[in-house]
Protein backbone atom coordinates (compact mmCIF):
# COMPACT_ATOMS: atom_id res chain seq x y z
CA MET A 1 -18.34 -1.25 10.95
CA LYS A 2 -17.18 2.21 10.02
CA GLU A 3 -14.80 2.45 13.00
CA LEU A 4 -12.85 -0.59 11.82
CA ASP A 5 -12.67 0.87 8.31
CA ILE A 6 -11.15 4.04 9.77
CA LEU A 7 -8.57 2.09 11.79
CA LEU A 8 -7.56 0.03 8.77
CA GLU A 9 -7.41 2.99 6.39
CA ASN A 10 -5.47 5.43 8.58
CA TYR A 11 -2.01 5.09 10.07
CA TRP A 12 -3.34 6.39 13.39
CA ILE A 13 -6.04 8.60 14.89
CA ILE A 14 -4.63 11.67 16.67
CA LYS A 15 -6.81 13.22 19.36
CA ASP A 16 -5.71 16.83 18.69
CA GLU A 17 -6.78 16.51 15.05
CA ASP A 18 -10.29 15.12 15.66
CA LYS A 19 -11.44 14.67 19.27
CA GLU A 20 -14.90 13.38 18.33
CA LEU A 21 -13.44 10.69 16.07
CA PHE A 22 -10.81 9.78 18.66
CA TYR A 23 -13.42 9.10 21.36
CA ARG A 24 -15.73 7.28 18.93
CA ILE A 25 -12.93 4.93 17.89
CA ARG A 26 -11.83 4.43 21.49
CA ASP A 27 -15.35 3.51 22.56
CA SER A 28 -15.69 0.98 19.72
CA ILE A 29 -12.48 -0.95 20.44
CA LYS A 30 -14.16 -3.34 22.89
CA GLU A 31 -16.68 -4.40 20.26
CA LEU A 32 -13.97 -4.73 17.59
CA ARG A 33 -11.42 -6.53 19.73
CA PRO A 34 -12.58 -10.11 18.92
CA PHE A 35 -11.85 -9.50 15.26
CA ILE A 36 -8.78 -7.29 15.73
CA THR A 37 -7.06 -9.55 18.27
CA ASP A 38 -8.34 -13.08 17.59
CA LYS A 39 -8.63 -13.03 13.82
CA LEU A 40 -6.06 -10.43 12.69
CA GLY A 41 -3.69 -10.80 15.64
CA TYR A 42 -3.25 -7.03 15.71
CA GLN A 43 -2.58 -4.82 18.70
CA ALA A 44 -4.61 -1.67 19.24
CA ILE A 45 -2.41 0.97 20.88
CA ILE A 46 -4.49 3.47 22.86
CA THR A 47 -2.86 6.44 24.56
CA PRO A 48 -4.26 9.79 25.73
CA GLN A 49 -2.83 11.24 22.51
CA LEU A 50 -3.60 8.70 19.78
CA ILE A 51 -5.06 5.36 18.73
CA LYS A 52 -3.08 3.16 16.38
CA LEU A 53 -3.79 -0.28 14.95
CA GLU A 54 -0.50 -2.12 14.40
CA LYS A 55 -1.10 -3.30 10.81
CA ILE A 56 1.46 -6.00 10.01
CA PRO A 57 1.05 -7.66 6.59
CA GLY A 58 0.40 -11.37 6.30
CA LYS A 59 2.90 -11.48 3.45
CA PRO A 60 5.25 -8.60 2.53
CA GLU A 61 4.73 -7.24 -0.99
CA ASP A 62 6.80 -4.86 -3.12
CA TRP A 63 4.04 -2.23 -3.15
CA MET A 64 3.76 -2.02 0.64
CA GLY A 65 6.37 0.72 1.02
CA ILE A 66 5.56 4.40 1.44
CA GLU A 67 4.11 5.35 -1.94
CA VAL A 68 5.76 8.76 -2.29
CA PHE A 69 9.26 7.44 -1.51
CA GLU A 70 11.43 6.43 -4.44
CA ASP A 71 14.92 5.92 -2.99
CA ARG A 72 16.44 4.10 -0.01
CA MET A 73 18.00 7.35 1.15
CA GLU A 74 14.50 8.71 1.81
CA TYR A 75 13.81 5.84 4.21
CA SER A 76 17.17 6.57 5.87
CA PHE A 77 16.19 10.23 6.29
CA LEU A 78 12.87 9.17 7.82
CA CYS A 79 14.62 6.93 10.36
CA LEU A 80 16.99 9.75 11.26
CA LEU A 81 14.06 12.14 11.65
CA LEU A 82 12.50 9.67 14.11
CA MET A 83 15.77 9.53 16.05
CA PHE A 84 15.96 13.33 16.05
CA LEU A 85 12.40 13.67 17.37
CA GLU A 86 13.06 11.07 20.07
CA ASP A 87 15.08 13.66 21.97
CA LYS A 88 12.45 16.37 21.56
CA GLY A 89 9.58 16.90 23.97
CA ARG A 90 5.98 17.29 22.91
CA GLU A 91 5.31 20.80 21.49
CA GLU A 92 9.07 21.49 21.48
CA GLN A 93 10.09 23.58 18.50
CA PHE A 94 13.08 23.02 16.24
CA LEU A 95 14.61 24.58 13.14
CA LEU A 96 15.15 22.90 9.81
CA SER A 97 18.87 23.73 10.07
CA GLU A 98 19.06 21.70 13.32
CA LEU A 99 17.65 18.68 11.51
CA THR A 100 19.91 19.04 8.47
CA GLU A 101 23.00 19.30 10.68
CA TYR A 102 21.88 16.22 12.62
CA ILE A 103 21.28 14.14 9.47
CA GLU A 104 24.54 15.25 7.87
CA GLY A 105 26.52 14.36 10.99
CA ILE A 106 25.00 10.95 11.72
CA PHE A 107 24.08 9.56 8.30
CA PRO A 108 25.43 5.98 8.09
CA GLY A 109 27.13 4.21 5.19
CA ASP A 110 29.65 5.22 2.58
CA ASP A 111 27.37 7.76 0.89
CA LYS A 112 27.55 11.23 2.35
CA VAL A 113 24.73 13.71 2.62
CA ASP A 114 25.40 16.84 0.61
CA TRP A 115 22.78 19.55 0.92
CA THR A 116 24.22 21.34 -2.11
CA LEU A 117 22.73 18.48 -4.16
CA TYR A 118 19.18 19.15 -5.32
CA ARG A 119 18.36 15.44 -5.07
CA HIS A 120 19.21 15.25 -1.37
CA ARG A 121 17.25 18.41 -0.58
CA ARG A 122 14.24 17.09 -2.49
CA TYR A 123 14.40 13.81 -0.56
CA LEU A 124 14.33 15.64 2.77
CA VAL A 125 11.42 17.83 1.69
CA LYS A 126 9.43 14.70 0.84
CA ILE A 127 10.19 13.26 4.29
CA LEU A 128 9.08 16.45 5.99
CA ARG A 129 5.88 16.59 3.93
CA PHE A 130 5.15 12.99 4.88
CA ALA A 131 5.78 13.72 8.58
CA LEU A 132 3.48 16.75 8.38
CA ASP A 133 0.74 14.83 6.59
CA ILE A 134 0.56 12.07 9.21
CA GLY A 135 0.86 14.45 12.15
CA MET A 136 4.35 13.72 13.48
CA ILE A 137 5.31 17.39 13.25
CA ASN A 138 3.56 20.73 12.82
CA LEU A 139 4.70 23.65 10.69
CA ASN A 140 4.93 26.86 12.72
CA ASP A 141 6.69 29.22 10.33
CA GLY A 142 8.17 29.07 6.84
CA ASP A 143 7.83 26.67 3.92
CA GLU A 144 10.02 23.57 3.58
CA GLN A 145 9.34 23.50 -0.17
CA SER A 146 11.69 26.47 -0.50
CA PHE A 147 14.49 24.23 0.79
CA THR A 148 14.33 22.38 -2.52
CA ASN A 149 15.64 25.51 -4.26
CA SER A 150 17.94 26.86 -1.55
CA ARG A 151 19.83 25.08 1.24
CA ASP A 152 19.79 28.35 3.24
CA THR A 153 16.02 28.18 3.76
CA GLU A 154 14.97 28.21 7.41
CA VAL A 155 11.72 26.68 8.68
CA LEU A 156 10.32 26.36 12.21
CA TYR A 157 8.62 23.10 13.21
CA GLU A 158 7.00 21.69 16.34
CA ASN A 159 7.21 18.11 17.56
CA THR A 160 3.75 16.63 18.25
CA GLY A 161 5.11 13.76 20.32
CA VAL A 162 3.50 10.93 18.33
CA SER A 163 6.63 9.90 16.41
CA LYS A 164 7.58 7.44 19.19
CA TYR A 165 4.63 5.29 18.09
CA PHE A 166 5.53 5.27 14.39
CA VAL A 167 7.70 2.13 14.46
CA ARG A 168 6.05 -1.00 15.80
CA ASN A 169 7.38 -2.82 18.84
CA PHE A 170 9.73 -5.73 18.21
CA THR A 171 10.24 -8.70 20.51
CA GLY A 172 13.94 -8.98 19.70
CA ASN A 173 16.91 -6.70 19.10
CA ILE A 174 16.53 -5.44 15.53
CA LEU A 175 20.22 -4.55 15.42
CA LEU A 176 20.85 -8.30 15.19
CA TYR A 177 18.44 -8.78 12.27
CA ASN A 178 20.07 -9.27 8.88
CA SER A 179 17.16 -9.97 6.53
CA LEU A 180 13.48 -9.44 5.84
CA GLU A 181 12.86 -12.96 7.16
CA ASP A 182 14.26 -11.94 10.54
CA LEU A 183 11.68 -9.14 10.73
CA GLU A 184 8.89 -11.50 9.65
CA ASN A 185 9.86 -14.12 12.22
CA ASP A 186 10.11 -11.57 15.03
CA GLU A 187 6.40 -11.86 15.80
CA TRP A 188 6.27 -15.66 15.88
CA THR A 189 9.51 -16.78 17.53
CA ASP A 190 9.76 -20.59 17.97
CA ILE A 191 6.17 -21.18 16.78
CA ASP A 192 5.03 -23.27 13.81
CA LYS A 193 3.80 -20.57 11.42
CA ASP A 194 1.59 -22.97 9.41
CA LYS A 195 -0.65 -24.06 12.28
CA GLY A 196 -3.30 -22.71 14.63
CA ARG A 197 -3.59 -19.04 15.51
CA ILE A 198 -0.53 -18.05 13.49
CA ARG A 199 -1.95 -19.32 10.24
CA ARG A 200 -5.38 -17.81 11.00
CA ASN A 201 -3.88 -14.38 11.66
CA ARG A 202 -1.74 -14.55 8.52
CA VAL A 203 -4.67 -15.56 6.28
CA TYR A 204 -6.98 -12.81 7.58
CA ARG A 205 -4.20 -10.24 7.20
CA ARG A 206 -3.50 -11.29 3.62
CA LEU A 207 -7.17 -11.15 2.65
CA ILE A 208 -7.61 -7.68 4.13
CA MET A 209 -4.26 -6.11 3.22
CA ALA A 210 -3.77 -7.40 -0.34
CA PRO A 211 -5.96 -7.33 -3.49
CA ALA A 212 -5.70 -11.12 -3.92
CA VAL A 213 -4.54 -14.30 -2.22
CA TYR A 214 -3.48 -16.79 -4.86
CA SER A 215 -3.14 -20.53 -4.35
CA GLU A 216 0.46 -21.68 -4.50
CA GLY A 217 -0.42 -25.36 -5.01
CA ALA A 218 -2.36 -28.21 -3.45
CA ASP A 219 -0.31 -28.05 -0.24
CA ASP A 220 -0.53 -24.28 0.26
CA PRO A 221 -1.48 -24.02 3.97
CA ASP A 222 -3.01 -20.55 3.64
CA TYR A 223 -5.27 -21.46 0.75
CA LEU A 224 -6.31 -24.71 2.41
CA TYR A 225 -7.36 -22.64 5.43
CA ILE A 226 -9.41 -20.31 3.23
CA LYS A 227 -11.23 -23.22 1.59
CA ASN A 228 -11.80 -25.14 4.83
CA TYR A 229 -13.02 -22.13 6.84
CA ARG A 230 -14.63 -20.18 4.04
CA ASN A 231 -18.00 -19.76 5.78
CA MET A 232 -16.43 -18.49 9.00
CA ILE A 233 -14.23 -16.01 7.13
CA GLN A 234 -17.21 -14.84 5.05
CA ASN A 235 -19.29 -14.26 8.18
CA ASP A 236 -16.50 -12.23 9.78
CA ILE A 237 -15.99 -10.12 6.66
CA GLU A 238 -19.73 -9.45 6.36
CA LYS A 239 -20.04 -8.57 10.06
CA TYR A 240 -16.98 -6.41 10.54
CA LEU A 241 -16.22 -5.05 7.04
CA GLU A 242 -19.66 -5.25 5.37
CA SER A 243 -18.03 -6.78 2.30
CA ASP A 244 -17.89 -10.12 0.47
CA LEU A 245 -15.37 -12.93 0.14
CA HIS A 246 -15.04 -14.53 -3.31
CA VAL A 247 -13.18 -17.84 -3.37
CA HIS A 248 -12.26 -19.47 -6.67
CA LYS A 249 -10.15 -22.46 -7.61
CA ASN A 250 -6.92 -20.48 -7.69
CA GLY A 251 -7.61 -17.19 -5.92
CA ALA A 252 -9.52 -15.55 -3.08
CA PHE A 253 -10.57 -11.91 -3.15
CA LEU A 254 -12.16 -9.46 -0.74
CA ILE A 255 -14.79 -7.55 -2.71
CA LEU A 256 -15.86 -4.20 -1.25
CA ASN A 257 -19.48 -3.16 -1.34
CA ASP A 258 -20.46 -0.15 -3.45
CA ASN A 259 -20.54 2.18 -0.42
CA LYS A 260 -16.91 1.41 0.47
CA ASN A 261 -14.28 3.81 -0.76
CA TYR A 262 -10.89 3.20 0.84
CA LYS A 263 -8.05 5.53 -0.14
CA LYS A 264 -6.00 2.78 -1.78
CA SER A 265 -8.72 0.39 -2.94
CA PHE A 266 -9.15 -0.51 -6.60
CA PRO A 267 -10.46 1.03 -8.79
CA GLU A 268 -9.19 4.46 -7.82
CA ASN A 269 -10.13 7.86 -9.16
CA LYS A 270 -7.01 7.93 -11.34
CA THR A 271 -6.43 7.61 -15.06
CA ILE A 272 -3.98 4.75 -14.55
CA SER A 273 -6.74 2.85 -12.71
CA ASP A 274 -9.05 3.28 -15.71
CA ILE A 275 -6.25 2.13 -17.98
CA ALA A 276 -5.74 -1.04 -15.91
CA LEU A 277 -9.47 -1.82 -16.16
CA GLN A 278 -9.34 -1.32 -19.91
CA MET A 279 -6.24 -3.50 -20.21
CA ASN A 280 -8.12 -6.25 -18.39
CA SER A 281 -10.92 -5.98 -20.94
CA ILE A 282 -8.37 -6.33 -23.77
CA ILE A 283 -6.93 -9.42 -22.06
CA ILE A 284 -10.38 -11.01 -21.72
CA GLU A 285 -11.09 -10.35 -25.41
CA LYS A 286 -7.81 -12.05 -26.34
CA VAL A 287 -8.65 -15.08 -24.21
CA LYS A 288 -12.07 -15.38 -25.83
CA ASP A 289 -10.69 -15.20 -29.39
CA GLY A 290 -7.88 -17.63 -28.59
CA SER A 291 -5.00 -15.15 -28.91
CA LEU A 292 -4.09 -15.74 -25.25
CA SER A 293 -4.28 -19.11 -23.53
CA LYS A 294 -4.72 -19.80 -19.84
CA MET A 295 -2.72 -22.48 -18.08
CA GLU A 296 -4.36 -24.97 -15.71
CA ASN A 297 -4.08 -22.51 -12.81
CA ASP A 298 -5.81 -19.77 -14.86
CA VAL A 299 -2.53 -17.87 -15.24
CA ILE A 300 -1.46 -16.52 -18.65
CA LYS A 301 2.23 -16.35 -19.49
CA ILE A 302 3.25 -13.66 -21.95
CA SER A 303 6.44 -11.96 -23.05
CA ILE A 304 7.05 -8.30 -22.27
CA HIS A 305 7.23 -7.69 -26.03
CA SER A 306 3.78 -9.25 -26.54
CA PHE A 307 2.39 -7.28 -23.61
CA GLU A 308 3.69 -4.10 -25.22
CA LYS A 309 1.69 -4.96 -28.34
CA LEU A 310 -1.41 -5.22 -26.14
CA VAL A 311 -0.61 -1.80 -24.71
CA MET A 312 -0.38 -0.39 -28.24
CA GLU A 313 -3.81 -1.85 -29.07
CA LEU A 314 -5.14 -0.49 -25.78
CA LYS A 315 -3.84 2.99 -26.54
CA ASN A 316 -5.33 3.01 -30.02
CA LYS A 317 -8.72 1.93 -28.69
CA TYR A 318 -9.13 3.97 -25.50
CA SER A 319 -6.61 6.80 -25.27
CA LEU A 320 -9.08 9.50 -26.35
CA GLY A 321 -10.49 9.38 -22.84
CA TRP A 322 -7.16 9.41 -21.00
CA SER A 323 -5.50 12.41 -19.41
CA LYS A 324 -2.96 14.27 -21.51
CA GLU A 325 -0.07 12.78 -19.53
CA TYR A 326 -0.91 9.21 -20.53
CA ARG A 327 -2.32 10.07 -23.95
CA GLU A 328 1.02 11.58 -25.03
CA MET A 329 3.30 9.18 -23.12
CA ARG A 330 5.85 7.19 -25.14
CA LEU A 331 4.83 3.58 -25.62
CA ASN A 332 7.72 2.04 -23.66
CA LYS A 333 7.14 4.38 -20.70
CA LEU A 334 3.38 3.77 -20.83
CA CYS A 335 3.99 0.03 -20.84
CA GLY A 336 6.27 0.37 -17.81
CA GLU A 337 3.69 2.45 -15.91
CA ILE A 338 0.93 -0.07 -16.66
CA ILE A 339 3.08 -3.02 -15.59
CA LYS A 340 4.07 -1.29 -12.35
CA TYR A 341 0.48 -0.39 -11.46
CA MET A 342 -1.01 -3.74 -12.43
CA LYS A 343 1.71 -5.55 -10.50
CA ASN A 344 0.85 -3.56 -7.38
CA CYS A 345 -2.81 -4.50 -7.87
CA CYS A 346 -1.99 -8.23 -8.19
CA PHE A 347 -3.19 -8.32 -11.82
CA ILE A 348 0.22 -9.40 -13.08
CA GLU A 349 3.50 -10.78 -11.76
CA LEU A 350 6.92 -10.46 -13.33
CA ASP A 351 8.40 -13.77 -14.42
CA GLY A 352 12.09 -13.18 -15.03
CA ILE A 353 13.41 -10.33 -17.14
CA ASN A 354 11.45 -10.72 -20.35
CA GLU A 355 8.19 -12.38 -19.31
CA LEU A 356 5.25 -11.76 -17.03
CA LYS A 357 2.25 -13.68 -15.76
CA ILE A 358 -1.28 -12.35 -16.05
CA MET A 359 -3.03 -13.44 -12.86
CA PRO A 360 -6.68 -14.55 -12.38
CA LEU A 361 -7.76 -11.25 -10.81
CA ALA A 362 -7.34 -9.60 -14.23
CA GLY A 363 -10.45 -11.48 -15.36
CA LYS A 364 -12.43 -10.48 -12.29
CA ILE A 365 -12.93 -6.79 -13.00
CA ILE A 366 -12.78 -5.00 -16.36
CA GLY A 367 -13.71 -1.60 -17.67
CA LYS A 368 -14.92 -0.21 -20.99
CA TYR A 369 -16.20 3.13 -22.19
CA PRO A 370 -19.87 3.22 -23.23
CA LYS A 371 -20.62 2.51 -26.86
CA ASP A 372 -21.56 6.15 -27.45
CA PHE A 373 -18.28 7.39 -25.94
CA ASN A 374 -16.42 10.12 -27.78
CA SER A 375 -13.51 12.44 -27.01
CA SER A 376 -15.74 14.93 -25.20
CA SER A 377 -17.60 12.53 -22.91
CA GLU A 378 -15.60 10.11 -20.82
CA GLY A 379 -17.15 7.21 -18.97
CA ARG A 380 -16.41 3.85 -17.48
CA GLU A 381 -18.45 0.70 -17.31
CA ASN A 382 -17.29 -1.77 -14.68
CA LYS A 383 -18.14 -5.41 -14.96
């Protein structure tokens, strides 16, 4: 169902941005509610201004942060922006200088905000761009990008009023939470998380939100649920997402049909995505010729040094078709970029400082250029 795809792919649907879509999604909620509420355990927030599906992960992963953010200070700035907007009415205007003064005066911790520092100005610009992109604020006059070069830049914004729905509702007082586990447990206070509805919601969330759900052993409650209720899960995925569920001995994967094209689904229209597919093909070749050996759980353990050798072979074989950025990248940096991307896609996991594990999904999808490929004609062949 296209409406469910839209809810899952977007942070929210704002009425002022697309009235037709807003009403179409609103009208479809009743039909989607059995899956949204019973299977995913999600709440659909519907107001006269927006529709938002509260998408809580079944299992937190490193890659689930905001992709464009690179420092904890950026998340702090975002939280302070939300606090700043809380006191602003809908369509109320404010100046960039008001926000910078607010952040500078209230920023917590030992570190101090210094707008003379390029780094701090760049962080704030990224926060403002993010807020603009998702519709929390509108730009009325000026250009916040100029603030990167000069702290004296002035910009006029308008509060849209949707920021109050950005953070999900918590059942407890988050000021008393001290760890990630406290946030995870907030939803299921005093309930056995490995039984009944809780386990069902967690499994469905993991299958939909992550590239892979790997078995963590014979007693893994989530994987036992997937195996025992495979047909029911498959029927739900076919009905509501028009996709397929693949369940193997050690991993379960949601496979999108050819007509699906989510923003963050793999493979993406990026060079690094092509590179990951090609790395998977190298790995499969090494398994077939005996250079790499799989353990009983289909996982391959390899040192970072050995993985770097695979990257060198990959570069020699395929780099003619890469973008200039990756074609000319130093080997150690290229290796780091590949590891980071493949880790986010559940192809690999880090195992200590000097080793990593190649996971079963790496053998599920590979990519090669056609045999007649040359430097002037790039292509990809997925298998």
